[in-house]
Amino acid sequence: MAAHPQSGLAGLPMGWFRGSRDKEISIPCGSLIEPLAGHLENALTGQPRLFCDWVRGQLPIGLHPFEKTVLESDLESVGDLLPPFDESLPVS
């Protein structure tokens, strides 16, 4: 939804809402490709909050409460699956 917020959940490809996707997917991002890549890198290098905050910033102000709840649940899952790195732990 961050790449195409105007489409909302109804604009997701068939099956995505229930988790059905191909092994490889492609999402046309246009001019968002560079910032998106940077924020994905943040998420995958121990800073998922930066990614989640960026996604929230891409969404329309009048987002329907149902869509907002679904998105917040997904972002919470991102935070659970990609927890922040503990800088004090040694890297092996």
Foldseek 3Di string as FASTA:
>chain_A
DLQCQVCFPVNDPPPVVVPDDDPDDDDDRPPCVVVLVVLVVCLQQFNLVSNLVSSVVSHDPPDDPVRVVSSVVVSVVSCVVRPGDDVPDDDD
